[in-house]
Every structure is written in structure tokens, then in C-alpha cells.
């Protein structure tokens, strides 16, 4: 998974997570990853019940945000990663499309 992934904040190439009984806690993590991208609102009928409308956001142009373990310790990096993870519009898809409920 981590092949050619680099930290967005310092540029260091990150290594795969290592699992071993010889390592304290049984694993060693070298990076944190958040997937983000542009969102497109989608409205469709529920395939199980066509009287019900489903609303969700489709992620377009998927892109990773990678932080090495050293950079992730910095508060501003943690905040940016958290913000990217939680970046979902608050409006309903119907309202975003200009439709009325």
C-alpha cells in the first residue's frame, strides 16, 4: 500500500506498517493516511423501496493525504488531517441540488 507514498508535509517517503511479535505492541506505523477528494451530490431511489429517496455524496478525483509519523505529531498537521477526514457538506444533497423536499 505504501509504495511511493510521500509525506505531504516534509516529502519523506514513508514505509509500510510492520507487524511482528518482536516489536513492542506488535506493530510499527510509519505514516497516517486520509483519503479525500471532490464531492458530487447524488440523489436516487432506494433500490429496495422506490418510494424512498437516497442522498449521498460521491467522491470524485480521489487523492490521499499522507503524513509521516514525525509530522503527524505536530498539532497543525493533525488538525489538517482531521479537517480533511471530516470534510462533508452539512446540507442535504436535495438542498445542494436546489430541489425542495
PDB file of N, CA and C in Angstrom:
ATOM      1  N   UNK A   1       0.823  -1.209   0.000  1.00  0.00           N
ATOM      2  CA  UNK A   1       0.000   0.000   0.000  1.00  0.00           C
ATOM      3  C   UNK A   1       0.854   1.254   0.000  1.00  0.00           C
ATOM      4  N   UNK A   2       1.938   1.258   0.750  1.00  0.00           N
ATOM      5  CA  UNK A   2       2.716   2.477   0.916  1.00  0.00           C
ATOM      6  C   UNK A   2       3.741   2.696  -0.183  1.00  0.00           C
ATOM      7  N   UNK A   3       3.694   1.901  -1.258  1.00  0.00           N
ATOM      8  CA  UNK A   3       4.706   2.082  -2.280  1.00  0.00           C
ATOM      9  C   UNK A   3       4.635   3.480  -2.885  1.00  0.00           C
ATOM     10  N   UNK A   4       5.759   4.159  -2.830  1.00  0.00           N
ATOM     11  CA  UNK A   4       5.917   5.508  -3.380  1.00  0.00           C
ATOM     12  C   UNK A   4       5.052   6.576  -2.708  1.00  0.00           C
ATOM     13  N   UNK A   5       4.507   6.310  -1.538  1.00  0.00           N
ATOM     14  CA  UNK A   5       3.776   7.351  -0.821  1.00  0.00           C
ATOM     15  C   UNK A   5       4.774   8.248  -0.114  1.00  0.00           C
ATOM     16  N   UNK A   6       4.534   9.565  -0.200  1.00  0.00           N
ATOM     17  CA  UNK A   6       5.415  10.529   0.453  1.00  0.00           C
ATOM     18  C   UNK A   6       4.592  11.430   1.359  1.00  0.00           C
ATOM     19  N   UNK A   7       5.210  11.856   2.436  1.00  0.00           N
ATOM     20  CA  UNK A   7       4.565  12.767   3.369  1.00  0.00           C
ATOM     21  C   UNK A   7       4.300  14.096   2.676  1.00  0.00           C
ATOM     22  N   UNK A   8       3.074  14.558   2.762  1.00  0.00           N
ATOM     23  CA  UNK A   8       2.698  15.836   2.159  1.00  0.00           C
ATOM     24  C   UNK A   8       3.417  17.002   2.839  1.00  0.00           C
ATOM     25  N   UNK A   9       3.813  16.828   4.074  1.00  0.00           N
ATOM     26  CA  UNK A   9       4.317  17.936   4.882  1.00  0.00           C
ATOM     27  C   UNK A   9       5.834  18.077   4.853  1.00  0.00           C
ATOM     28  N   UNK A  10       6.575  16.964   4.733  1.00  0.00           N
ATOM     29  CA  UNK A  10       8.047  17.058   4.689  1.00  0.00           C
ATOM     30  C   UNK A  10       8.649  16.402   3.458  1.00  0.00           C
ATOM     31  N   UNK A  11       7.844  15.620   2.725  1.00  0.00           N
ATOM     32  CA  UNK A  11       8.325  14.993   1.499  1.00  0.00           C
ATOM     33  C   UNK A  11       9.018  13.649   1.682  1.00  0.00           C
ATOM     34  N   UNK A  12       9.155  13.193   2.920  1.00  0.00           N
ATOM     35  CA  UNK A  12       9.831  11.912   3.162  1.00  0.00           C
ATOM     36  C   UNK A  12       8.997  10.761   2.635  1.00  0.00           C
ATOM     37  N   UNK A  13       9.651   9.794   1.967  1.00  0.00           N
ATOM     38  CA  UNK A  13       8.958   8.589   1.533  1.00  0.00           C
ATOM     39  C   UNK A  13       8.658   7.748   2.770  1.00  0.00           C
ATOM     40  N   UNK A  14       7.429   7.268   2.881  1.00  0.00           N
ATOM     41  CA  UNK A  14       7.026   6.509   4.061  1.00  0.00           C
ATOM     42  C   UNK A  14       7.134   5.013   3.798  1.00  0.00           C
ATOM     43  N   UNK A  15       7.220   4.251   4.883  1.00  0.00           N
ATOM     44  CA  UNK A  15       7.371   2.794   4.810  1.00  0.00           C
ATOM     45  C   UNK A  15       6.076   2.114   5.210  1.00  0.00           C
ATOM     46  N   UNK A  16       5.934   0.877   4.755  1.00  0.00           N
ATOM     47  CA  UNK A  16       4.782   0.052   5.116  1.00  0.00           C
ATOM     48  C   UNK A  16       4.708  -0.141   6.626  1.00  0.00           C
ATOM     49  N   UNK A  17       3.508  -0.392   7.128  1.00  0.00           N
ATOM     50  CA  UNK A  17       3.343  -0.788   8.523  1.00  0.00           C
ATOM     51  C   UNK A  17       3.941  -2.185   8.680  1.00  0.00           C
ATOM     52  N   UNK A  18       4.695  -2.379   9.760  1.00  0.00           N
ATOM     53  CA  UNK A  18       5.351  -3.658  10.022  1.00  0.00           C
ATOM     54  C   UNK A  18       4.662  -4.326  11.206  1.00  0.00           C
ATOM     55  N   UNK A  19       4.351  -5.612  11.045  1.00  0.00           N
ATOM     56  CA  UNK A  19       3.750  -6.405  12.118  1.00  0.00           C
ATOM     57  C   UNK A  19       4.747  -7.487  12.521  1.00  0.00           C
ATOM     58  N   UNK A  20       5.046  -7.551  13.816  1.00  0.00           N
ATOM     59  CA  UNK A  20       5.989  -8.558  14.294  1.00  0.00           C
ATOM     60  C   UNK A  20       5.824  -8.727  15.801  1.00  0.00           C
ATOM     61  N   UNK A  21       6.004  -9.943  16.262  1.00  0.00           N
ATOM     62  CA  UNK A  21       5.941 -10.203  17.703  1.00  0.00           C
ATOM     63  C   UNK A  21       7.148  -9.611  18.418  1.00  0.00           C
ATOM     64  N   UNK A  22       8.214  -9.287  17.674  1.00  0.00           N
ATOM     65  CA  UNK A  22       9.443  -8.743  18.255  1.00  0.00           C
ATOM     66  C   UNK A  22       9.360  -7.235  18.506  1.00  0.00           C
ATOM     67  N   UNK A  23       8.363  -6.574  17.925  1.00  0.00           N
ATOM     68  CA  UNK A  23       8.190  -5.126  18.065  1.00  0.00           C
ATOM     69  C   UNK A  23       7.229  -4.859  19.229  1.00  0.00           C
ATOM     70  N   UNK A  24       7.542  -3.857  20.070  1.00  0.00           N
ATOM     71  CA  UNK A  24       6.574  -3.512  21.127  1.00  0.00           C
ATOM     72  C   UNK A  24       5.206  -3.216  20.524  1.00  0.00           C
ATOM     73  N   UNK A  25       4.166  -3.685  21.143  1.00  0.00           N
ATOM     74  CA  UNK A  25       2.768  -3.586  20.697  1.00  0.00           C
ATOM     75  C   UNK A  25       2.469  -4.461  19.480  1.00  0.00           C
ATOM     76  N   UNK A  26       3.493  -5.080  18.878  1.00  0.00           N
ATOM     77  CA  UNK A  26       3.269  -5.979  17.756  1.00  0.00           C
ATOM     78  C   UNK A  26       3.233  -5.323  16.385  1.00  0.00           C
ATOM     79  N   UNK A  27       3.399  -4.004  16.313  1.00  0.00           N
ATOM     80  CA  UNK A  27       3.397  -3.331  15.010  1.00  0.00           C
ATOM     81  C   UNK A  27       4.151  -2.005  15.098  1.00  0.00           C
ATOM     82  N   UNK A  28       4.576  -1.501  13.921  1.00  0.00           N
ATOM     83  CA  UNK A  28       5.221  -0.194  13.827  1.00  0.00           C
ATOM     84  C   UNK A  28       4.592   0.552  12.647  1.00  0.00           C
ATOM     85  N   UNK A  29       4.064   1.732  12.923  1.00  0.00           N
ATOM     86  CA  UNK A  29       3.404   2.560  11.913  1.00  0.00           C
ATOM     87  C   UNK A  29       4.336   3.692  11.514  1.00  0.00           C
ATOM     88  N   UNK A  30       4.487   3.926  10.202  1.00  0.00           N
ATOM     89  CA  UNK A  30       5.366   4.990   9.732  1.00  0.00           C
ATOM     90  C   UNK A  30       4.584   6.166   9.143  1.00  0.00           C
ATOM     91  N   UNK A  31       3.276   5.978   8.896  1.00  0.00           N
ATOM     92  CA  UNK A  31       2.505   7.063   8.284  1.00  0.00           C
ATOM     93  C   UNK A  31       1.027   6.950   8.633  1.00  0.00           C
ATOM     94  N   UNK A  32       0.327   8.070   8.415  1.00  0.00           N
ATOM     95  CA  UNK A  32      -1.124   8.144   8.565  1.00  0.00           C
ATOM     96  C   UNK A  32      -1.672   8.618   7.228  1.00  0.00           C
ATOM     97  N   UNK A  33      -2.812   8.072   6.835  1.00  0.00           N
ATOM     98  CA  UNK A  33      -3.368   8.329   5.516  1.00  0.00           C
ATOM     99  C   UNK A  33      -4.837   8.700   5.623  1.00  0.00           C
ATOM    100  N   UNK A  34      -5.223   9.775   4.936  1.00  0.00           N
ATOM    101  CA  UNK A  34      -6.627  10.172   4.831  1.00  0.00           C
ATOM    102  C   UNK A  34      -6.938  10.306   3.343  1.00  0.00           C
ATOM    103  N   UNK A  35      -8.013   9.656   2.915  1.00  0.00           N
ATOM    104  CA  UNK A  35      -8.464   9.809   1.527  1.00  0.00           C
ATOM    105  C   UNK A  35      -9.438  10.970   1.458  1.00  0.00           C
ATOM    106  N   UNK A  36      -9.269  11.821   0.478  1.00  0.00           N
ATOM    107  CA  UNK A  36     -10.148  12.965   0.290  1.00  0.00           C
ATOM    108  C   UNK A  36     -10.364  13.166  -1.206  1.00  0.00           C
ATOM    109  N   UNK A  37     -11.122  14.156  -1.564  1.00  0.00           N
ATOM    110  CA  UNK A  37     -11.375  14.441  -2.972  1.00  0.00           C
ATOM    111  C   UNK A  37     -12.554  15.374  -3.130  1.00  0.00           C
ATOM    112  N   UNK A  38     -12.897  15.644  -4.368  1.00  0.00           N
ATOM    113  CA  UNK A  38     -14.053  16.492  -4.650  1.00  0.00           C
ATOM    114  C   UNK A  38     -15.323  15.660  -4.519  1.00  0.00           C
ATOM    115  N   UNK A  39     -16.370  16.270  -3.966  1.00  0.00           N
ATOM    116  CA  UNK A  39     -17.631  15.561  -3.748  1.00  0.00           C
ATOM    117  C   UNK A  39     -18.691  16.000  -4.752  1.00  0.00           C
ATOM    118  N   UNK A  40     -19.447  15.021  -5.252  1.00  0.00           N
ATOM    119  CA  UNK A  40     -20.566  15.281  -6.146  1.00  0.00           C
ATOM    120  C   UNK A  40     -21.833  14.762  -5.471  1.00  0.00           C
ATOM    121  N   UNK A  41     -22.868  15.609  -5.331  1.00  0.00           N
ATOM    122  CA  UNK A  41     -24.104  15.119  -4.718  1.00  0.00           C
ATOM    123  C   UNK A  41     -24.832  14.145  -5.642  1.00  0.00           C
ATOM    124  N   UNK A  42     -25.387  13.093  -5.042  1.00  0.00           N
ATOM    125  CA  UNK A  42     -26.137  12.085  -5.797  1.00  0.00           C
ATOM    126  C   UNK A  42     -27.471  11.875  -5.095  1.00  0.00           C
ATOM    127  N   UNK A  43     -28.544  11.843  -5.896  1.00  0.00           N
ATOM    128  CA  UNK A  43     -29.889  11.542  -5.397  1.00  0.00           C
ATOM    129  C   UNK A  43     -30.439  10.412  -6.250  1.00  0.00           C
ATOM    130  N   UNK A  44     -30.927   9.368  -5.595  1.00  0.00           N
ATOM    131  CA  UNK A  44     -31.503   8.253  -6.352  1.00  0.00           C
ATOM    132  C   UNK A  44     -32.566   7.547  -5.513  1.00  0.00           C
ATOM    133  N   UNK A  45     -33.390   6.778  -6.199  1.00  0.00           N
ATOM    134  CA  UNK A  45     -34.404   5.998  -5.490  1.00  0.00           C
ATOM    135  C   UNK A  45     -33.724   4.795  -4.836  1.00  0.00           C
ATOM    136  N   UNK A  46     -34.211   4.453  -3.647  1.00  0.00           N
ATOM    137  CA  UNK A  46     -33.710   3.282  -2.943  1.00  0.00           C
ATOM    138  C   UNK A  46     -34.100   2.046  -3.749  1.00  0.00           C
ATOM    139  N   UNK A  47     -33.129   1.207  -4.147  1.00  0.00           N
ATOM    140  CA  UNK A  47     -33.472   0.027  -4.939  1.00  0.00           C
ATOM    141  C   UNK A  47     -34.360  -0.974  -4.191  1.00  0.00           C
ATOM    142  N   UNK A  48     -34.369  -0.914  -2.867  1.00  0.00           N
ATOM    143  CA  UNK A  48     -35.200  -1.828  -2.073  1.00  0.00           C
ATOM    144  C   UNK A  48     -36.607  -1.282  -1.869  1.00  0.00           C
ATOM    145  N   UNK A  49     -36.748   0.039  -1.932  1.00  0.00           N
ATOM    146  CA  UNK A  49     -38.047   0.674  -1.743  1.00  0.00           C
ATOM    147  C   UNK A  49     -38.060   1.967  -2.555  1.00  0.00           C
ATOM    148  N   UNK A  50     -38.650   1.923  -3.750  1.00  0.00           N
ATOM    149  CA  UNK A  50     -38.600   3.059  -4.665  1.00  0.00           C
ATOM    150  C   UNK A  50     -39.345   4.293  -4.164  1.00  0.00           C
ATOM    151  N   UNK A  51     -40.125   4.153  -3.093  1.00  0.00           N
ATOM    152  CA  UNK A  51     -40.803   5.323  -2.514  1.00  0.00           C
ATOM    153  C   UNK A  51     -39.825   6.156  -1.696  1.00  0.00           C
ATOM    154  N   UNK A  52     -38.697   5.578  -1.360  1.00  0.00           N
ATOM    155  CA  UNK A  52     -37.687   6.243  -0.532  1.00  0.00           C
ATOM    156  C   UNK A  52     -36.558   6.790  -1.408  1.00  0.00           C
ATOM    157  N   UNK A  53     -36.142   8.025  -1.096  1.00  0.00           N
ATOM    158  CA  UNK A  53     -35.051   8.658  -1.832  1.00  0.00           C
ATOM    159  C   UNK A  53     -33.769   8.562  -1.012  1.00  0.00           C
ATOM    160  N   UNK A  54     -32.693   8.166  -1.680  1.00  0.00           N
ATOM    161  CA  UNK A  54     -31.387   8.084  -1.028  1.00  0.00           C
ATOM    162  C   UNK A  54     -30.557   9.298  -1.446  1.00  0.00           C
ATOM    163  N   UNK A  55     -29.853   9.872  -0.502  1.00  0.00           N
ATOM    164  CA  UNK A  55     -28.982  11.015  -0.778  1.00  0.00           C
ATOM    165  C   UNK A  55     -27.585  10.689  -0.265  1.00  0.00           C
ATOM    166  N   UNK A  56     -26.588  10.957  -1.067  1.00  0.00           N
ATOM    167  CA  UNK A  56     -25.217  10.759  -0.616  1.00  0.00           C
ATOM    168  C   UNK A  56     -24.278  11.571  -1.499  1.00  0.00           C
ATOM    169  N   UNK A  57     -23.034  11.616  -1.116  1.00  0.00           N
ATOM    170  CA  UNK A  57     -22.009  12.306  -1.891  1.00  0.00           C
ATOM    171  C   UNK A  57     -21.038  11.281  -2.449  1.00  0.00           C
ATOM    172  N   UNK A  58     -20.773  11.363  -3.736  1.00  0.00           N
ATOM    173  CA  UNK A  58     -19.802  10.501  -4.397  1.00  0.00           C
ATOM    174  C   UNK A  58     -18.464  11.238  -4.388  1.00  0.00           C
ATOM    175  N   UNK A  59     -17.384  10.530  -4.079  1.00  0.00           N
ATOM    176  CA  UNK A  59     -16.064  11.144  -4.064  1.00  0.00           C
ATOM    177  C   UNK A  59     -15.471  11.051  -5.467  1.00  0.00           C
ATOM    178  N   UNK A  60     -15.191  12.203  -6.057  1.00  0.00           N
ATOM    179  CA  UNK A  60     -14.538  12.273  -7.362  1.00  0.00           C
ATOM    180  C   UNK A  60     -13.086  12.690  -7.160  1.00  0.00           C
ATOM    181  N   UNK A  61     -12.246  12.337  -8.082  1.00  0.00           N
ATOM    182  CA  UNK A  61     -10.837  12.737  -8.041  1.00  0.00           C
ATOM    183  C   UNK A  61     -10.224  12.422  -6.677  1.00  0.00           C
ATOM    184  N   UNK A  62     -10.316  11.165  -6.309  1.00  0.00           N
ATOM    185  CA  UNK A  62      -9.804  10.683  -5.034  1.00  0.00           C
ATOM    186  C   UNK A  62      -8.312  10.980  -4.909  1.00  0.00           C
ATOM    187  N   UNK A  63      -7.910  11.516  -3.763  1.00  0.00           N
ATOM    188  CA  UNK A  63      -6.488  11.780  -3.537  1.00  0.00           C
ATOM    189  C   UNK A  63      -6.141  11.540  -2.065  1.00  0.00           C
ATOM    190  N   UNK A  64      -4.954  10.977  -1.845  1.00  0.00           N
ATOM    191  CA  UNK A  64      -4.525  10.705  -0.470  1.00  0.00           C
ATOM    192  C   UNK A  64      -3.813  11.911   0.139  1.00  0.00           C
ATOM    193  N   UNK A  65      -3.974  12.059   1.430  1.00  0.00           N
ATOM    194  CA  UNK A  65      -3.142  12.989   2.198  1.00  0.00           C
ATOM    195  C   UNK A  65      -2.356  12.099   3.152  1.00  0.00           C
ATOM    196  N   UNK A  66      -1.039  12.115   3.008  1.00  0.00           N
ATOM    197  CA  UNK A  66      -0.159  11.256   3.794  1.00  0.00           C
ATOM    198  C   UNK A  66       0.668  12.120   4.740  1.00  0.00           C
ATOM    199  N   UNK A  67       0.750  11.695   5.990  1.00  0.00           N
ATOM    200  CA  UNK A  67       1.609  12.362   6.974  1.00  0.00           C
ATOM    201  C   UNK A  67       2.500  11.297   7.604  1.00  0.00           C
ATOM    202  N   UNK A  68       3.818  11.530   7.578  1.00  0.00           N
ATOM    203  CA  UNK A  68       4.719  10.598   8.261  1.00  0.00           C
ATOM    204  C   UNK A  68       4.464  10.711   9.762  1.00  0.00           C
ATOM    205  N   UNK A  69       4.916   9.716  10.501  1.00  0.00           N
ATOM    206  CA  UNK A  69       4.635   9.710  11.943  1.00  0.00           C
ATOM    207  C   UNK A  69       5.263  10.915  12.645  1.00  0.00           C
ATOM    208  N   UNK A  70       6.411  11.420  12.148  1.00  0.00           N
ATOM    209  CA  UNK A  70       7.044  12.586  12.767  1.00  0.00           C
ATOM    210  C   UNK A  70       6.201  13.850  12.556  1.00  0.00           C
ATOM    211  N   UNK A  71       5.741  14.071  11.332  1.00  0.00           N
ATOM    212  CA  UNK A  71       4.921  15.257  11.053  1.00  0.00           C
ATOM    213  C   UNK A  71       3.565  15.173  11.736  1.00  0.00           C
ATOM    214  N   UNK A  72       3.018  13.952  11.833  1.00  0.00           N
ATOM    215  CA  UNK A  72       1.692  13.786  12.434  1.00  0.00           C
ATOM    216  C   UNK A  72       1.674  14.198  13.898  1.00  0.00           C
ATOM    217  N   UNK A  73       2.833  14.234  14.537  1.00  0.00           N
ATOM    218  CA  UNK A  73       2.903  14.656  15.940  1.00  0.00           C
ATOM    219  C   UNK A  73       2.672  16.163  16.088  1.00  0.00           C
ATOM    220  N   UNK A  74       2.799  16.920  15.012  1.00  0.00           N
ATOM    221  CA  UNK A  74       2.599  18.370  15.056  1.00  0.00           C
ATOM    222  C   UNK A  74       1.103  18.671  15.051  1.00  0.00           C
ATOM    223  N   UNK A  75       0.682  19.577  15.914  1.00  0.00           N
ATOM    224  CA  UNK A  75      -0.743  19.882  16.087  1.00  0.00           C
ATOM    225  C   UNK A  75      -1.395  20.384  14.795  1.00  0.00           C
ATOM    226  N   UNK A  76      -0.711  21.253  14.025  1.00  0.00           N
ATOM    227  CA  UNK A  76      -1.303  21.785  12.798  1.00  0.00           C
ATOM    228  C   UNK A  76      -1.502  20.692  11.745  1.00  0.00           C
ATOM    229  N   UNK A  77      -0.616  19.704  11.718  1.00  0.00           N
ATOM    230  CA  UNK A  77      -0.761  18.583  10.777  1.00  0.00           C
ATOM    231  C   UNK A  77      -1.953  17.727  11.189  1.00  0.00           C
ATOM    232  N   UNK A  78      -2.076  17.414  12.475  1.00  0.00           N
ATOM    233  CA  UNK A  78      -3.227  16.644  12.960  1.00  0.00           C
ATOM    234  C   UNK A  78      -4.533  17.347  12.622  1.00  0.00           C
ATOM    235  N   UNK A  79      -4.567  18.666  12.821  1.00  0.00           N
ATOM    236  CA  UNK A  79      -5.790  19.425  12.524  1.00  0.00           C
ATOM    237  C   UNK A  79      -6.138  19.365  11.039  1.00  0.00           C
ATOM    238  N   UNK A  80      -5.140  19.504  10.172  1.00  0.00           N
ATOM    239  CA  UNK A  80      -5.404  19.432   8.729  1.00  0.00           C
ATOM    240  C   UNK A  80      -5.903  18.051   8.323  1.00  0.00           C
ATOM    241  N   UNK A  81      -5.311  17.015   8.884  1.00  0.00           N
ATOM    242  CA  UNK A  81      -5.747  15.648   8.575  1.00  0.00           C
ATOM    243  C   UNK A  81      -7.173  15.405   9.091  1.00  0.00           C
ATOM    244  N   UNK A  82      -7.459  15.856  10.302  1.00  0.00           N
ATOM    245  CA  UNK A  82      -8.813  15.707  10.857  1.00  0.00           C
ATOM    246  C   UNK A  82      -9.835  16.466  10.019  1.00  0.00           C
ATOM    247  N   UNK A  83      -9.491  17.675   9.614  1.00  0.00           N
ATOM    248  CA  UNK A  83     -10.395  18.503   8.808  1.00  0.00           C
ATOM    249  C   UNK A  83     -10.694  17.814   7.472  1.00  0.00           C
ATOM    250  N   UNK A  84      -9.667  17.252   6.843  1.00  0.00           N
ATOM    251  CA  UNK A  84      -9.857  16.547   5.564  1.00  0.00           C
ATOM    252  C   UNK A  84     -10.738  15.320   5.743  1.00  0.00           C
ATOM    253  N   UNK A  85     -10.567  14.627   6.860  1.00  0.00           N
ATOM    254  CA  UNK A  85     -11.359  13.429   7.132  1.00  0.00           C
ATOM    255  C   UNK A  85     -12.824  13.767   7.354  1.00  0.00           C
ATOM    256  N   UNK A  86     -13.087  14.901   7.994  1.00  0.00           N
ATOM    257  CA  UNK A  86     -14.450  15.280   8.351  1.00  0.00           C
ATOM    258  C   UNK A  86     -15.109  16.194   7.328  1.00  0.00           C
ATOM    259  N   UNK A  87     -14.458  16.447   6.217  1.00  0.00           N
ATOM    260  CA  UNK A  87     -14.926  17.424   5.241  1.00  0.00           C
ATOM    261  C   UNK A  87     -16.110  16.895   4.432  1.00  0.00           C
ATOM    262  N   UNK A  88     -17.291  16.940   5.035  1.00  0.00           N
ATOM    263  CA  UNK A  88     -18.523  16.527   4.361  1.00  0.00           C
ATOM    264  C   UNK A  88     -19.519  17.668   4.496  1.00  0.00           C
ATOM    265  N   UNK A  89     -20.128  18.085   3.389  1.00  0.00           N
ATOM    266  CA  UNK A  89     -21.095  19.188   3.471  1.00  0.00           C
ATOM    267  C   UNK A  89     -22.226  18.893   4.444  1.00  0.00           C
ATOM    268  N   UNK A  90     -22.708  19.938   5.097  1.00  0.00           N
ATOM    269  CA  UNK A  90     -23.787  19.777   6.072  1.00  0.00           C
ATOM    270  C   UNK A  90     -25.164  19.799   5.420  1.00  0.00           C
ATOM    271  N   UNK A  91     -25.283  20.442   4.269  1.00  0.00           N
ATOM    272  CA  UNK A  91     -26.578  20.491   3.595  1.00  0.00           C
ATOM    273  C   UNK A  91     -26.944  19.128   3.040  1.00  0.00           C
ATOM    274  N   UNK A  92     -28.240  18.874   2.953  1.00  0.00           N
ATOM    275  CA  UNK A  92     -28.654  17.621   2.329  1.00  0.00           C
ATOM    276  C   UNK A  92     -28.389  17.729   0.831  1.00  0.00           C
ATOM    277  N   UNK A  93     -28.252  16.591   0.188  1.00  0.00           N
ATOM    278  CA  UNK A  93     -27.997  16.565  -1.247  1.00  0.00           C
ATOM    279  C   UNK A  93     -29.125  17.249  -2.007  1.00  0.00           C
ATOM    280  N   UNK A  94     -30.373  17.032  -1.578  1.00  0.00           N
ATOM    281  CA  UNK A  94     -31.508  17.655  -2.255  1.00  0.00           C
ATOM    282  C   UNK A  94     -31.395  19.174  -2.204  1.00  0.00           C
ATOM    283  N   UNK A  95     -31.021  19.713  -1.042  1.00  0.00           N
ATOM    284  CA  UNK A  95     -30.859  21.163  -0.919  1.00  0.00           C
ATOM    285  C   UNK A  95     -29.685  21.646  -1.760  1.00  0.00           C
ATOM    286  N   UNK A  96     -28.615  20.858  -1.829  1.00  0.00           N
ATOM    287  CA  UNK A  96     -27.435  21.229  -2.617  1.00  0.00           C
ATOM    288  C   UNK A  96     -27.763  21.292  -4.099  1.00  0.00           C
ATOM    289  N   UNK A  97     -28.705  20.435  -4.548  1.00  0.00           N
ATOM    290  CA  UNK A  97     -29.119  20.428  -5.947  1.00  0.00           C
ATOM    291  C   UNK A  97     -30.183  21.482  -6.249  1.00  0.00           C
ATOM    292  N   UNK A  98     -30.645  22.174  -5.240  1.00  0.00           N
ATOM    293  CA  UNK A  98     -31.683  23.183  -5.428  1.00  0.00           C
ATOM    294  C   UNK A  98     -33.086  22.607  -5.424  1.00  0.00           C
ATOM    295  N   UNK A  99     -33.215  21.316  -5.125  1.00  0.00           N
ATOM    296  CA  UNK A  99     -34.530  20.665  -5.063  1.00  0.00           C
ATOM    297  C   UNK A  99     -35.177  20.991  -3.731  1.00  0.00           C
ATOM    298  N   UNK A 100     -36.476  20.913  -3.697  1.00  0.00           N
ATOM    299  CA  UNK A 100     -37.215  21.120  -2.452  1.00  0.00           C
ATOM    300  C   UNK A 100     -37.719  19.787  -1.951  1.00  0.00           C
ATOM    301  N   UNK A 101     -37.686  19.645  -0.650  1.00  0.00           N
ATOM    302  CA  UNK A 101     -38.150  18.380  -0.045  1.00  0.00           C
ATOM    303  C   UNK A 101     -39.651  18.291  -0.056  1.00  0.00           C
TER     304      UNK A 101
END
